[in-house]
Structure formats: C-alpha cells, structure tokens
PDB file of N, CA and C in Angstrom:
ATOM      1  N   MET A   1     150.864 -22.035 -77.538  1.00  0.00           N
ATOM      2  CA  MET A   1     151.721 -21.965 -78.986  1.00  0.00           C
ATOM      3  C   MET A   1     152.894 -21.364 -78.865  1.00  0.00           C
ATOM      4  N   LYS A   2     153.470 -21.403 -79.614  1.00  0.00           N
ATOM      5  CA  LYS A   2     155.489 -20.660 -79.543  1.00  0.00           C
ATOM      6  C   LYS A   2     154.276 -19.725 -80.807  1.00  0.00           C
ATOM      7  N   ALA A   3     154.519 -18.733 -80.696  1.00  0.00           N
ATOM      8  CA  ALA A   3     155.033 -17.542 -82.393  1.00  0.00           C
ATOM      9  C   ALA A   3     155.715 -17.810 -82.817  1.00  0.00           C
ATOM     10  N   PHE A   4     156.513 -18.551 -83.142  1.00  0.00           N
ATOM     11  CA  PHE A   4     157.448 -19.163 -84.049  1.00  0.00           C
ATOM     12  C   PHE A   4     158.504 -20.570 -83.987  1.00  0.00           C
ATOM     13  N   ILE A   5     158.855 -20.261 -85.226  1.00  0.00           N
ATOM     14  CA  ILE A   5     159.179 -21.785 -84.655  1.00  0.00           C
ATOM     15  C   ILE A   5     160.744 -21.176 -85.763  1.00  0.00           C
ATOM     16  N   LEU A   6     161.983 -21.686 -85.244  1.00  0.00           N
ATOM     17  CA  LEU A   6     163.659 -21.751 -85.829  1.00  0.00           C
ATOM     18  C   LEU A   6     163.924 -22.854 -86.949  1.00  0.00           C
ATOM     19  N   SER A   7     163.818 -22.679 -88.101  1.00  0.00           N
ATOM     20  CA  SER A   7     164.691 -23.689 -88.946  1.00  0.00           C
ATOM     21  C   SER A   7     165.837 -24.760 -87.867  1.00  0.00           C
ATOM     22  N   PRO A   8     165.737 -25.256 -88.513  1.00  0.00           N
ATOM     23  CA  PRO A   8     168.280 -25.582 -88.022  1.00  0.00           C
ATOM     24  C   PRO A   8     168.343 -24.803 -88.367  1.00  0.00           C
ATOM     25  N   GLU A   9     168.721 -24.690 -90.160  1.00  0.00           N
ATOM     26  CA  GLU A   9     169.344 -24.036 -90.560  1.00  0.00           C
ATOM     27  C   GLU A   9     169.212 -22.389 -89.671  1.00  0.00           C
ATOM     28  N   ALA A  10     168.151 -21.486 -89.835  1.00  0.00           N
ATOM     29  CA  ALA A  10     168.112 -20.312 -89.078  1.00  0.00           C
ATOM     30  C   ALA A  10     168.490 -19.913 -87.727  1.00  0.00           C
ATOM     31  N   GLU A  11     168.567 -21.309 -86.800  1.00  0.00           N
ATOM     32  CA  GLU A  11     169.585 -21.151 -85.817  1.00  0.00           C
ATOM     33  C   GLU A  11     171.061 -21.760 -86.152  1.00  0.00           C
ATOM     34  N   ARG A  12     171.188 -22.143 -86.662  1.00  0.00           N
ATOM     35  CA  ARG A  12     172.391 -22.088 -87.018  1.00  0.00           C
ATOM     36  C   ARG A  12     173.275 -20.475 -87.330  1.00  0.00           C
ATOM     37  N   ASP A  13     172.731 -20.232 -88.708  1.00  0.00           N
ATOM     38  CA  ASP A  13     172.820 -18.997 -88.969  1.00  0.00           C
ATOM     39  C   ASP A  13     172.717 -17.631 -87.653  1.00  0.00           C
ATOM     40  N   LEU A  14     171.654 -17.990 -86.774  1.00  0.00           N
ATOM     41  CA  LEU A  14     172.307 -16.913 -85.363  1.00  0.00           C
ATOM     42  C   LEU A  14     173.090 -17.191 -84.413  1.00  0.00           C
ATOM     43  N   ASP A  15     173.584 -18.817 -84.803  1.00  0.00           N
ATOM     44  CA  ASP A  15     174.725 -18.729 -83.818  1.00  0.00           C
ATOM     45  C   ASP A  15     176.138 -18.296 -84.871  1.00  0.00           C
ATOM     46  N   VAL A  16     176.683 -18.619 -86.231  1.00  0.00           N
ATOM     47  CA  VAL A  16     177.119 -18.175 -87.225  1.00  0.00           C
ATOM     48  C   VAL A  16     177.826 -16.344 -87.168  1.00  0.00           C
ATOM     49  N   ILE A  17     176.264 -15.780 -86.943  1.00  0.00           N
ATOM     50  CA  ILE A  17     175.991 -13.887 -87.109  1.00  0.00           C
ATOM     51  C   ILE A  17     176.973 -14.228 -85.415  1.00  0.00           C
ATOM     52  N   LYS A  18     176.410 -14.617 -84.232  1.00  0.00           N
ATOM     53  CA  LYS A  18     176.645 -14.380 -82.912  1.00  0.00           C
ATOM     54  C   LYS A  18     178.539 -14.099 -82.891  1.00  0.00           C
ATOM     55  N   GLY A  19     178.962 -15.293 -83.942  1.00  0.00           N
ATOM     56  CA  GLY A  19     180.387 -15.979 -83.053  1.00  0.00           C
ATOM     57  C   GLY A  19     181.189 -15.137 -84.136  1.00  0.00           C
ATOM     58  N   TYR A  20     180.544 -14.436 -85.324  1.00  0.00           N
ATOM     59  CA  TYR A  20     181.706 -13.744 -86.289  1.00  0.00           C
ATOM     60  C   TYR A  20     181.049 -12.036 -85.098  1.00  0.00           C
ATOM     61  N   LEU A  21     180.386 -11.838 -84.831  1.00  0.00           N
ATOM     62  CA  LEU A  21     180.307 -10.774 -84.366  1.00  0.00           C
ATOM     63  C   LEU A  21     180.763 -10.861 -83.260  1.00  0.00           C
ATOM     64  N   LEU A  22     180.777 -11.492 -82.301  1.00  0.00           N
ATOM     65  CA  LEU A  22     181.701 -11.510 -80.857  1.00  0.00           C
ATOM     66  C   LEU A  22     183.158 -11.745 -81.536  1.00  0.00           C
ATOM     67  N   ASP A  23     183.922 -12.159 -82.672  1.00  0.00           N
ATOM     68  CA  ASP A  23     184.624 -12.098 -82.867  1.00  0.00           C
ATOM     69  C   ASP A  23     185.174 -10.854 -83.258  1.00  0.00           C
ATOM     70  N   GLU A  24     184.679 -10.295 -84.568  1.00  0.00           N
ATOM     71  CA  GLU A  24     184.935  -8.830 -85.019  1.00  0.00           C
ATOM     72  C   GLU A  24     184.527  -7.414 -84.477  1.00  0.00           C
ATOM     73  N   ALA A  25     183.784  -7.366 -83.179  1.00  0.00           N
ATOM     74  CA  ALA A  25     183.591  -6.233 -82.740  1.00  0.00           C
ATOM     75  C   ALA A  25     182.997  -6.050 -81.159  1.00  0.00           C
ATOM     76  N   GLY A  26     183.030  -7.014 -80.659  1.00  0.00           N
ATOM     77  CA  GLY A  26     182.771  -7.517 -79.299  1.00  0.00           C
ATOM     78  C   GLY A  26     181.410  -7.778 -78.809  1.00  0.00           C
ATOM     79  N   VAL A  27     181.214  -7.675 -77.111  1.00  0.00           N
ATOM     80  CA  VAL A  27     179.954  -7.972 -76.414  1.00  0.00           C
ATOM     81  C   VAL A  27     178.799  -7.362 -76.670  1.00  0.00           C
ATOM     82  N   ARG A  28     179.335  -5.857 -76.813  1.00  0.00           N
ATOM     83  CA  ARG A  28     178.513  -4.706 -76.786  1.00  0.00           C
ATOM     84  C   ARG A  28     177.480  -4.762 -77.992  1.00  0.00           C
ATOM     85  N   ILE A  29     177.813  -5.364 -79.071  1.00  0.00           N
ATOM     86  CA  ILE A  29     177.644  -5.003 -80.283  1.00  0.00           C
ATOM     87  C   ILE A  29     176.660  -6.580 -81.028  1.00  0.00           C
ATOM     88  N   VAL A  30     177.569  -8.043 -80.400  1.00  0.00           N
ATOM     89  CA  VAL A  30     176.264  -8.988 -79.668  1.00  0.00           C
ATOM     90  C   VAL A  30     175.479  -8.769 -79.542  1.00  0.00           C
ATOM     91  N   ARG A  31     175.338  -7.904 -78.368  1.00  0.00           N
ATOM     92  CA  ARG A  31     174.168  -8.293 -77.524  1.00  0.00           C
ATOM     93  C   ARG A  31     173.506  -7.158 -78.210  1.00  0.00           C
ATOM     94  N   HIS A  32     173.365  -6.107 -78.772  1.00  0.00           N
ATOM     95  CA  HIS A  32     172.433  -4.716 -79.452  1.00  0.00           C
ATOM     96  C   HIS A  32     172.423  -5.681 -80.876  1.00  0.00           C
ATOM     97  N   VAL A  33     172.836  -6.011 -82.105  1.00  0.00           N
ATOM     98  CA  VAL A  33     172.728  -6.556 -83.086  1.00  0.00           C
ATOM     99  C   VAL A  33     171.369  -7.780 -82.728  1.00  0.00           C
ATOM    100  N   MET A  34     172.431  -9.024 -81.662  1.00  0.00           N
ATOM    101  CA  MET A  34     171.344 -10.235 -81.649  1.00  0.00           C
ATOM    102  C   MET A  34     169.847  -9.743 -81.079  1.00  0.00           C
ATOM    103  N   GLY A  35     170.370  -9.198 -80.603  1.00  0.00           N
ATOM    104  CA  GLY A  35     168.217  -8.500 -80.088  1.00  0.00           C
ATOM    105  C   GLY A  35     167.837  -7.485 -80.198  1.00  0.00           C
ATOM    106  N   GLU A  36     168.397  -6.766 -82.156  1.00  0.00           N
ATOM    107  CA  GLU A  36     167.424  -6.282 -82.765  1.00  0.00           C
ATOM    108  C   GLU A  36     167.091  -7.380 -83.540  1.00  0.00           C
ATOM    109  N   LEU A  37     167.840  -8.334 -83.361  1.00  0.00           N
ATOM    110  CA  LEU A  37     167.436  -9.857 -84.500  1.00  0.00           C
ATOM    111  C   LEU A  37     166.111 -10.385 -83.696  1.00  0.00           C
ATOM    112  N   ARG A  38     165.996 -10.089 -82.805  1.00  0.00           N
ATOM    113  CA  ARG A  38     165.350 -11.559 -81.943  1.00  0.00           C
ATOM    114  C   ARG A  38     164.219 -10.670 -81.980  1.00  0.00           C
ATOM    115  N   ALA A  39     164.130  -9.275 -81.784  1.00  0.00           N
ATOM    116  CA  ALA A  39     162.923  -8.774 -81.471  1.00  0.00           C
ATOM    117  C   ALA A  39     162.285  -8.109 -83.023  1.00  0.00           C
ATOM    118  N   GLY A  40     163.549  -8.441 -84.465  1.00  0.00           N
ATOM    119  CA  GLY A  40     162.298  -8.738 -86.085  1.00  0.00           C
ATOM    120  C   GLY A  40     162.121  -9.868 -85.656  1.00  0.00           C
ATOM    121  N   ILE A  41     162.462 -10.754 -85.395  1.00  0.00           N
ATOM    122  CA  ILE A  41     161.633 -12.191 -85.755  1.00  0.00           C
ATOM    123  C   ILE A  41     160.538 -11.729 -84.662  1.00  0.00           C
ATOM    124  N   ARG A  42     160.165 -11.565 -83.673  1.00  0.00           N
ATOM    125  CA  ARG A  42     158.634 -11.523 -82.766  1.00  0.00           C
ATOM    126  C   ARG A  42     158.022 -10.662 -84.057  1.00  0.00           C
ATOM    127  N   PHE A  43     158.930  -9.491 -83.941  1.00  0.00           N
ATOM    128  CA  PHE A  43     157.623  -8.717 -84.935  1.00  0.00           C
ATOM    129  C   PHE A  43     157.055  -9.478 -86.410  1.00  0.00           C
ATOM    130  N   VAL A  44     157.807  -9.727 -86.816  1.00  0.00           N
ATOM    131  CA  VAL A  44     157.524 -11.265 -88.043  1.00  0.00           C
ATOM    132  C   VAL A  44     156.153 -12.023 -87.610  1.00  0.00           C
ATOM    133  N   ALA A  45     156.554 -12.485 -86.335  1.00  0.00           N
ATOM    134  CA  ALA A  45     155.669 -13.716 -85.735  1.00  0.00           C
ATOM    135  C   ALA A  45     154.222 -13.181 -85.255  1.00  0.00           C
ATOM    136  N   ARG A  46     154.231 -12.036 -85.069  1.00  0.00           N
ATOM    137  CA  ARG A  46     153.296 -11.113 -84.657  1.00  0.00           C
ATOM    138  C   ARG A  46     152.333 -10.756 -85.733  1.00  0.00           C
ATOM    139  N   ASN A  47     153.026 -10.319 -87.211  1.00  0.00           N
ATOM    140  CA  ASN A  47     152.978  -9.623 -87.768  1.00  0.00           C
ATOM    141  C   ASN A  47     153.715 -10.416 -89.489  1.00  0.00           C
ATOM    142  N   PRO A  48     152.810 -11.203 -89.889  1.00  0.00           N
ATOM    143  CA  PRO A  48     153.373 -12.182 -90.451  1.00  0.00           C
ATOM    144  C   PRO A  48     153.226 -11.594 -92.273  1.00  0.00           C
ATOM    145  N   GLN A  49     152.785 -10.340 -92.646  1.00  0.00           N
ATOM    146  CA  GLN A  49     152.338 -10.138 -94.225  1.00  0.00           C
ATOM    147  C   GLN A  49     153.428  -9.249 -93.880  1.00  0.00           C
ATOM    148  N   ALA A  50     154.091  -8.974 -93.015  1.00  0.00           N
ATOM    149  CA  ALA A  50     155.113  -7.215 -92.970  1.00  0.00           C
ATOM    150  C   ALA A  50     155.643  -7.336 -93.600  1.00  0.00           C
ATOM    151  N   GLY A  51     156.466  -8.511 -93.923  1.00  0.00           N
ATOM    152  CA  GLY A  51     157.935  -8.599 -94.871  1.00  0.00           C
ATOM    153  C   GLY A  51     157.417  -7.915 -95.917  1.00  0.00           C
ATOM    154  N   HIS A  52     158.655  -8.288 -96.978  1.00  0.00           N
ATOM    155  CA  HIS A  52     158.742  -8.126 -98.750  1.00  0.00           C
ATOM    156  C   HIS A  52     158.494  -9.209 -99.206  1.00  0.00           C
ATOM    157  N   VAL A  53     157.644  -9.584-100.340  1.00  0.00           N
ATOM    158  CA  VAL A  53     157.934 -10.950-101.185  1.00  0.00           C
ATOM    159  C   VAL A  53     158.561 -10.167-102.104  1.00  0.00           C
ATOM    160  N   ARG A  54     160.138 -11.237-102.265  1.00  0.00           N
ATOM    161  CA  ARG A  54     161.274 -10.824-102.802  1.00  0.00           C
ATOM    162  C   ARG A  54     161.538 -12.084-103.949  1.00  0.00           C
ATOM    163  N   GLU A  55     160.589 -11.887-105.536  1.00  0.00           N
ATOM    164  CA  GLU A  55     160.482 -12.656-106.268  1.00  0.00           C
ATOM    165  C   GLU A  55     161.587 -13.352-107.223  1.00  0.00           C
ATOM    166  N   ASP A  56     162.518 -12.011-106.775  1.00  0.00           N
ATOM    167  CA  ASP A  56     163.946 -11.713-107.691  1.00  0.00           C
ATOM    168  C   ASP A  56     164.679 -12.440-106.808  1.00  0.00           C
ATOM    169  N   LEU A  57     164.195 -13.224-106.303  1.00  0.00           N
ATOM    170  CA  LEU A  57     165.509 -14.386-105.567  1.00  0.00           C
ATOM    171  C   LEU A  57     165.064 -15.712-105.154  1.00  0.00           C
ATOM    172  N   THR A  58     163.507 -15.902-105.214  1.00  0.00           N
ATOM    173  CA  THR A  58     163.330 -17.390-104.809  1.00  0.00           C
ATOM    174  C   THR A  58     161.435 -17.029-105.588  1.00  0.00           C
ATOM    175  N   ASP A  59     160.906 -18.183-105.786  1.00  0.00           N
ATOM    176  CA  ASP A  59     159.786 -18.293-106.373  1.00  0.00           C
ATOM    177  C   ASP A  59     159.050 -19.142-104.935  1.00  0.00           C
ATOM    178  N   GLU A  60     159.716 -19.376-103.718  1.00  0.00           N
ATOM    179  CA  GLU A  60     159.092 -19.559-102.260  1.00  0.00           C
ATOM    180  C   GLU A  60     158.329 -18.582-101.947  1.00  0.00           C
ATOM    181  N   ARG A  61     157.494 -19.710-101.133  1.00  0.00           N
ATOM    182  CA  ARG A  61     156.310 -18.359-100.541  1.00  0.00           C
ATOM    183  C   ARG A  61     156.844 -17.803 -99.102  1.00  0.00           C
ATOM    184  N   VAL A  62     157.980 -17.724 -99.059  1.00  0.00           N
ATOM    185  CA  VAL A  62     158.816 -16.617 -98.118  1.00  0.00           C
ATOM    186  C   VAL A  62     158.949 -15.341 -98.352  1.00  0.00           C
ATOM    187  N   ARG A  63     158.564 -15.204 -97.030  1.00  0.00           N
ATOM    188  CA  ARG A  63     159.085 -13.151 -96.933  1.00  0.00           C
ATOM    189  C   ARG A  63     160.482 -12.596 -97.008  1.00  0.00           C
ATOM    190  N   PHE A  64     160.840 -11.868 -96.430  1.00  0.00           N
ATOM    191  CA  PHE A  64     161.784 -10.949 -96.128  1.00  0.00           C
ATOM    192  C   PHE A  64     161.287  -9.590 -95.649  1.00  0.00           C
ATOM    193  N   TRP A  65     162.405 -10.008 -94.593  1.00  0.00           N
ATOM    194  CA  TRP A  65     162.014  -8.879 -93.193  1.00  0.00           C
ATOM    195  C   TRP A  65     163.632  -8.032 -92.665  1.00  0.00           C
ATOM    196  N   PRO A  66     164.279  -6.957 -93.166  1.00  0.00           N
ATOM    197  CA  PRO A  66     165.310  -6.576 -93.427  1.00  0.00           C
ATOM    198  C   PRO A  66     165.991  -6.336 -91.387  1.00  0.00           C
ATOM    199  N   VAL A  67     167.290  -6.269 -91.077  1.00  0.00           N
ATOM    200  CA  VAL A  67     166.999  -5.820 -89.531  1.00  0.00           C
ATOM    201  C   VAL A  67     168.982  -5.653 -89.651  1.00  0.00           C
ATOM    202  N   PHE A  68     169.432  -4.196 -89.758  1.00  0.00           N
ATOM    203  CA  PHE A  68     170.508  -3.963 -90.364  1.00  0.00           C
ATOM    204  C   PHE A  68     170.620  -4.520 -91.565  1.00  0.00           C
ATOM    205  N   SER A  69     171.514  -5.346 -91.423  1.00  0.00           N
ATOM    206  CA  SER A  69     172.199  -6.121 -92.727  1.00  0.00           C
ATOM    207  C   SER A  69     171.874  -7.385 -93.062  1.00  0.00           C
ATOM    208  N   TYR A  70     171.091  -7.870 -92.246  1.00  0.00           N
ATOM    209  CA  TYR A  70     170.462  -9.233 -92.241  1.00  0.00           C
ATOM    210  C   TYR A  70     169.226  -9.329 -92.604  1.00  0.00           C
ATOM    211  N   LEU A  71     168.628 -10.416 -93.179  1.00  0.00           N
ATOM    212  CA  LEU A  71     167.403 -10.723 -94.091  1.00  0.00           C
ATOM    213  C   LEU A  71     167.147 -11.383 -93.088  1.00  0.00           C
ATOM    214  N   ILE A  72     165.834 -11.188 -92.856  1.00  0.00           N
ATOM    215  CA  ILE A  72     165.053 -12.524 -91.584  1.00  0.00           C
ATOM    216  C   ILE A  72     163.837 -13.112 -92.910  1.00  0.00           C
ATOM    217  N   VAL A  73     163.924 -14.388 -92.936  1.00  0.00           N
ATOM    218  CA  VAL A  73     163.519 -14.968 -94.553  1.00  0.00           C
ATOM    219  C   VAL A  73     162.971 -15.450 -93.146  1.00  0.00           C
ATOM    220  N   TYR A  74     161.136 -15.691 -94.026  1.00  0.00           N
ATOM    221  CA  TYR A  74     160.158 -16.475 -92.844  1.00  0.00           C
ATOM    222  C   TYR A  74     159.248 -16.922 -94.023  1.00  0.00           C
ATOM    223  N   ASP A  75     157.967 -17.937 -93.604  1.00  0.00           N
ATOM    224  CA  ASP A  75     157.590 -18.599 -94.131  1.00  0.00           C
ATOM    225  C   ASP A  75     156.203 -17.979 -93.112  1.00  0.00           C
ATOM    226  N   PRO A  76     155.149 -17.395 -94.018  1.00  0.00           N
ATOM    227  CA  PRO A  76     153.806 -16.548 -93.497  1.00  0.00           C
ATOM    228  C   PRO A  76     153.355 -16.853 -93.491  1.00  0.00           C
ATOM    229  N   LEU A  77     152.909 -18.407 -93.774  1.00  0.00           N
ATOM    230  CA  LEU A  77     151.629 -18.958 -93.739  1.00  0.00           C
ATOM    231  C   LEU A  77     151.848 -20.520 -93.212  1.00  0.00           C
ATOM    232  N   LYS A  78     153.011 -20.885 -92.228  1.00  0.00           N
ATOM    233  CA  LYS A  78     153.176 -21.743 -91.395  1.00  0.00           C
ATOM    234  C   LYS A  78     152.096 -21.330 -90.271  1.00  0.00           C
ATOM    235  N   LYS A  79     151.956 -21.895 -89.256  1.00  0.00           N
ATOM    236  CA  LYS A  79     151.426 -22.418 -88.230  1.00  0.00           C
ATOM    237  C   LYS A  79     152.434 -22.839 -86.762  1.00  0.00           C
ATOM    238  N   PRO A  80     153.021 -21.860 -86.183  1.00  0.00           N
ATOM    239  CA  PRO A  80     153.606 -20.855 -85.911  1.00  0.00           C
ATOM    240  C   PRO A  80     154.265 -20.366 -87.765  1.00  0.00           C
ATOM    241  N   VAL A  81     154.718 -19.057 -87.222  1.00  0.00           N
ATOM    242  CA  VAL A  81     155.856 -18.741 -88.520  1.00  0.00           C
ATOM    243  C   VAL A  81     156.821 -19.157 -88.229  1.00  0.00           C
ATOM    244  N   GLU A  82     157.788 -20.041 -89.654  1.00  0.00           N
ATOM    245  CA  GLU A  82     158.541 -20.584 -89.335  1.00  0.00           C
ATOM    246  C   GLU A  82     159.915 -19.337 -90.217  1.00  0.00           C
ATOM    247  N   ILE A  83     161.050 -19.123 -89.410  1.00  0.00           N
ATOM    248  CA  ILE A  83     162.087 -18.334 -89.416  1.00  0.00           C
ATOM    249  C   ILE A  83     162.872 -19.155 -90.090  1.00  0.00           C
ATOM    250  N   VAL A  84     163.025 -19.337 -91.358  1.00  0.00           N
ATOM    251  CA  VAL A  84     163.140 -20.431 -92.600  1.00  0.00           C
ATOM    252  C   VAL A  84     165.482 -20.115 -92.725  1.00  0.00           C
ATOM    253  N   ARG A  85     165.653 -18.774 -92.548  1.00  0.00           N
ATOM    254  CA  ARG A  85     167.540 -18.116 -92.411  1.00  0.00           C
ATOM    255  C   ARG A  85     167.156 -16.858 -91.767  1.00  0.00           C
ATOM    256  N   VAL A  86     168.600 -16.656 -91.608  1.00  0.00           N
ATOM    257  CA  VAL A  86     168.762 -15.419 -91.048  1.00  0.00           C
ATOM    258  C   VAL A  86     170.367 -15.556 -92.021  1.00  0.00           C
ATOM    259  N   LEU A  87     169.967 -14.122 -92.804  1.00  0.00           N
ATOM    260  CA  LEU A  87     171.140 -14.357 -93.883  1.00  0.00           C
ATOM    261  C   LEU A  87     171.359 -13.129 -93.913  1.00  0.00           C
ATOM    262  N   HIS A  88     172.963 -12.378 -94.297  1.00  0.00           N
ATOM    263  CA  HIS A  88     173.495 -11.222 -93.969  1.00  0.00           C
ATOM    264  C   HIS A  88     172.685 -10.623 -95.446  1.00  0.00           C
ATOM    265  N   GLY A  89     172.438  -9.614 -96.159  1.00  0.00           N
ATOM    266  CA  GLY A  89     172.500  -8.994 -97.441  1.00  0.00           C
ATOM    267  C   GLY A  89     173.106  -9.319 -98.673  1.00  0.00           C
ATOM    268  N   LYS A  90     174.597  -9.344 -97.881  1.00  0.00           N
ATOM    269  CA  LYS A  90     175.724  -9.663 -98.768  1.00  0.00           C
ATOM    270  C   LYS A  90     176.339 -10.685 -99.933  1.00  0.00           C
ATOM    271  N   ARG A  91     175.775 -12.078 -98.812  1.00  0.00           N
ATOM    272  CA  ARG A  91     175.819 -12.913 -99.301  1.00  0.00           C
ATOM    273  C   ARG A  91     174.599 -12.895-100.586  1.00  0.00           C
ATOM    274  N   ASP A  92     175.196 -14.346-101.048  1.00  0.00           N
ATOM    275  CA  ASP A  92     174.377 -14.655-102.413  1.00  0.00           C
ATOM    276  C   ASP A  92     172.718 -15.560-101.732  1.00  0.00           C
ATOM    277  N   VAL A  93     172.098 -14.235-101.242  1.00  0.00           N
ATOM    278  CA  VAL A  93     170.964 -15.054-100.692  1.00  0.00           C
ATOM    279  C   VAL A  93     170.296 -16.277-102.098  1.00  0.00           C
ATOM    280  N   GLU A  94     170.248 -15.212-102.972  1.00  0.00           N
ATOM    281  CA  GLU A  94     169.583 -16.225-103.747  1.00  0.00           C
ATOM    282  C   GLU A  94     170.223 -17.754-103.997  1.00  0.00           C
ATOM    283  N   GLU A  95     171.212 -18.131-104.228  1.00  0.00           N
ATOM    284  CA  GLU A  95     171.447 -19.701-103.975  1.00  0.00           C
ATOM    285  C   GLU A  95     171.732 -19.975-102.891  1.00  0.00           C
ATOM    286  N   ILE A  96     171.622 -19.433-101.598  1.00  0.00           N
ATOM    287  CA  ILE A  96     171.464 -19.901-100.624  1.00  0.00           C
ATOM    288  C   ILE A  96     170.017 -20.640-100.112  1.00  0.00           C
ATOM    289  N   LEU A  97     169.114 -19.830-100.657  1.00  0.00           N
ATOM    290  CA  LEU A  97     167.683 -20.182-100.571  1.00  0.00           C
ATOM    291  C   LEU A  97     167.604 -21.996-101.952  1.00  0.00           C
ATOM    292  N   GLU A  98     168.181 -21.724-102.824  1.00  0.00           N
ATOM    293  CA  GLU A  98     168.057 -22.485-103.928  1.00  0.00           C
ATOM    294  C   GLU A  98     168.739 -23.566-103.660  1.00  0.00           C
ATOM    295  N   ARG A  99     169.576 -23.475-102.893  1.00  0.00           N
ATOM    296  CA  ARG A  99     170.097 -25.000-102.270  1.00  0.00           C
ATOM    297  C   ARG A  99     169.460 -25.474-100.696  1.00  0.00           C
ATOM    298  N   SER A 100     168.933 -24.520-100.301  1.00  0.00           N
ATOM    299  CA  SER A 100     167.808 -25.240 -99.250  1.00  0.00           C
ATOM    300  C   SER A 100     166.598 -25.729 -99.977  1.00  0.00           C
ATOM    301  N   HIS A 101     166.293 -25.567-100.695  1.00  0.00           N
ATOM    302  CA  HIS A 101     165.153 -26.013-101.170  1.00  0.00           C
ATOM    303  C   HIS A 101     164.962 -27.304-102.131  1.00  0.00           C
ATOM    304  N   ARG A 102     166.094 -27.595-102.391  1.00  0.00           N
ATOM    305  CA  ARG A 102     166.812 -28.697-103.059  1.00  0.00           C
ATOM    306  C   ARG A 102     166.464 -30.142-102.661  1.00  0.00           C
TER     307      ARG A 102
END
C-alpha cells in the first residue's frame, strides 16, 4: 500500500511550484526545494501526527508541516495519508482551504 496520496490540487500545487522556481531560480534550486518537499511529504506519511493543527486557518481535520516557506497540508486520518495542498505561506492559506472545501 502507498504511504500517501496526493490530491489533484496538491499535484497541481507541486507543478506550479516547480514551474515558478524553474523560471525564477533555476534547475539547482528546483531540485533542492522539490527534494525537500518530497522528503517532507514522506515524513508526514510516516509520522501523521507530527504536524500542527491550525485552528486559526481552518476547522478541517488537516495538519500542517512546514518546508522552507511552504506548508504541506495533509489529512492524517486518511489511510494512506492524503496530501491535500502544498502552499506557499505568503498566500492566503485560509481562503484557499475554505474554497477547497465548498
């Protein structure tokens, strides 16, 4: 069984992050950041209670794990763990998550 699944939104988030970094920072930075994001995703899949609950951002049962300026948003109760979104912390995370659950 897989350790985690990526929601379609999380897959799109990762594609957008990769494209942005490729345009702005180059291949080396893309490899580094994407590698760290993948490592963070694997970590929360193995340790689903490690992240933080952020009641200030959502009342959903998701948890948050930071990697650089990004937040891995995941559902620790799903088996396998579902990666819901991967968002830059400067974005309006509360609004994005609210729109996702309408």
